Amino acid sequence: MKIQFSGRAYEMPLGNFTIPVPGDKILSAMELNSYPLYAIYLIVIGLSGGFMVLYYVSLRFIKQKPSQDC
């Protein structure tokens, strides 16, 4: 997000007026300027771990019928 916001000015409409707001101010207001990559890494690791747990549970508790070669 820093690539999109930093160094650019965005126009925010306020009634009949348009106020230019620097992208750096938007980043600091949303608190995205401090360690954004760590948050992405935590989200990816959490999603991967969640899917691994679901995969394990599905293999462990869903019984499958053995195929009969008749």
C-alpha atoms as a PDB file:
ATOM      1  CA  MET A   1       0.000   0.000   0.000  1.00  0.00           C
ATOM      2  CA  LYS A   2       2.875   2.358   0.488  1.00  0.00           C
ATOM      3  CA  ILE A   3       3.599   2.186  -3.231  1.00  0.00           C
ATOM      4  CA  GLN A   4       0.102   3.386  -4.049  1.00  0.00           C
ATOM      5  CA  PHE A   5      -0.263   6.054  -1.372  1.00  0.00           C
ATOM      6  CA  SER A   6       3.140   7.591  -0.716  1.00  0.00           C
ATOM      7  CA  GLY A   7       4.117  10.586  -2.785  1.00  0.00           C
ATOM      8  CA  ARG A   8       0.656  11.148  -4.247  1.00  0.00           C
ATOM      9  CA  ALA A   9      -2.047  13.628  -3.380  1.00  0.00           C
ATOM     10  CA  TYR A  10      -5.644  12.391  -3.293  1.00  0.00           C
ATOM     11  CA  GLU A  11      -8.634  14.648  -3.643  1.00  0.00           C
ATOM     12  CA  MET A  12     -11.237  14.260  -0.903  1.00  0.00           C
ATOM     13  CA  PRO A  13     -14.625  15.832  -1.636  1.00  0.00           C
ATOM     14  CA  LEU A  14     -16.128  17.712   1.285  1.00  0.00           C
ATOM     15  CA  GLY A  15     -19.483  19.166   0.316  1.00  0.00           C
ATOM     16  CA  ASN A  16     -18.855  21.579  -2.562  1.00  0.00           C
ATOM     17  CA  PHE A  17     -15.123  21.744  -1.872  1.00  0.00           C
ATOM     18  CA  THR A  18     -12.332  19.367  -2.828  1.00  0.00           C
ATOM     19  CA  ILE A  19      -9.388  19.102  -0.450  1.00  0.00           C
ATOM     20  CA  PRO A  20      -6.095  17.560  -1.622  1.00  0.00           C
ATOM     21  CA  VAL A  21      -4.761  15.136   1.019  1.00  0.00           C
ATOM     22  CA  PRO A  22      -1.208  13.755   0.787  1.00  0.00           C
ATOM     23  CA  GLY A  23      -0.967   9.975   0.656  1.00  0.00           C
ATOM     24  CA  ASP A  24       1.474   9.952   3.559  1.00  0.00           C
ATOM     25  CA  LYS A  25      -1.196  11.487   5.807  1.00  0.00           C
ATOM     26  CA  ILE A  26      -3.631   8.739   4.758  1.00  0.00           C
ATOM     27  CA  LEU A  27      -1.052   6.076   5.633  1.00  0.00           C
ATOM     28  CA  SER A  28      -0.398   7.552   9.054  1.00  0.00           C
ATOM     29  CA  ALA A  29      -4.125   7.985   9.760  1.00  0.00           C
ATOM     30  CA  MET A  30      -4.814   4.328   8.906  1.00  0.00           C
ATOM     31  CA  GLU A  31      -1.669   3.251  10.827  1.00  0.00           C
ATOM     32  CA  LEU A  32      -0.343   1.348   7.827  1.00  0.00           C
ATOM     33  CA  ASN A  33       3.118   2.884   7.874  1.00  0.00           C
ATOM     34  CA  SER A  34       4.508   0.678  10.647  1.00  0.00           C
ATOM     35  CA  TYR A  35       5.620  -2.811   9.687  1.00  0.00           C
ATOM     36  CA  PRO A  36       3.001  -3.580   7.008  1.00  0.00           C
ATOM     37  CA  LEU A  37       4.847  -6.664   5.722  1.00  0.00           C
ATOM     38  CA  TYR A  38       4.732  -8.397   9.095  1.00  0.00           C
ATOM     39  CA  ALA A  39       0.950  -8.188   9.083  1.00  0.00           C
ATOM     40  CA  ILE A  40       0.823  -9.746   5.621  1.00  0.00           C
ATOM     41  CA  TYR A  41       3.160 -12.533   6.702  1.00  0.00           C
ATOM     42  CA  LEU A  42       1.013 -13.268   9.747  1.00  0.00           C
ATOM     43  CA  ILE A  43      -2.135 -13.402   7.615  1.00  0.00           C
ATOM     44  CA  VAL A  44      -0.538 -15.782   5.096  1.00  0.00           C
ATOM     45  CA  ILE A  45       0.859 -18.032   7.834  1.00  0.00           C
ATOM     46  CA  GLY A  46      -2.501 -18.055   9.638  1.00  0.00           C
ATOM     47  CA  LEU A  47      -4.419 -18.970   6.493  1.00  0.00           C
ATOM     48  CA  SER A  48      -1.918 -21.691   5.582  1.00  0.00           C
ATOM     49  CA  GLY A  49      -2.027 -23.136   9.084  1.00  0.00           C
ATOM     50  CA  GLY A  50      -5.827 -23.065   9.089  1.00  0.00           C
ATOM     51  CA  PHE A  51      -6.018 -24.947   5.812  1.00  0.00           C
ATOM     52  CA  MET A  52      -3.498 -27.512   7.054  1.00  0.00           C
ATOM     53  CA  VAL A  53      -5.592 -28.100  10.176  1.00  0.00           C
ATOM     54  CA  LEU A  54      -8.748 -28.503   8.074  1.00  0.00           C
ATOM     55  CA  TYR A  55      -6.911 -30.909   5.765  1.00  0.00           C
ATOM     56  CA  TYR A  56      -5.699 -32.989   8.710  1.00  0.00           C
ATOM     57  CA  VAL A  57      -9.159 -33.074  10.296  1.00  0.00           C
ATOM     58  CA  SER A  58     -10.778 -34.095   7.025  1.00  0.00           C
ATOM     59  CA  LEU A  59      -8.282 -36.927   6.512  1.00  0.00           C
ATOM     60  CA  ARG A  60      -8.497 -38.061  10.117  1.00  0.00           C
ATOM     61  CA  PHE A  61     -12.230 -38.128  10.708  1.00  0.00           C
ATOM     62  CA  ILE A  62     -13.839 -38.719   7.314  1.00  0.00           C
ATOM     63  CA  LYS A  63     -13.886 -42.457   6.714  1.00  0.00           C
ATOM     64  CA  GLN A  64     -13.482 -43.665   3.159  1.00  0.00           C
ATOM     65  CA  LYS A  65     -14.677 -46.982   1.818  1.00  0.00           C
ATOM     66  CA  PRO A  66     -11.936 -49.237   0.494  1.00  0.00           C
ATOM     67  CA  SER A  67     -12.337 -50.071  -3.166  1.00  0.00           C
ATOM     68  CA  GLN A  68     -13.278 -53.708  -3.813  1.00  0.00           C
ATOM     69  CA  ASP A  69     -11.616 -55.408  -6.764  1.00  0.00           C
ATOM     70  CA  CYS A  70     -14.270 -57.973  -7.779  1.00  0.00           C
END
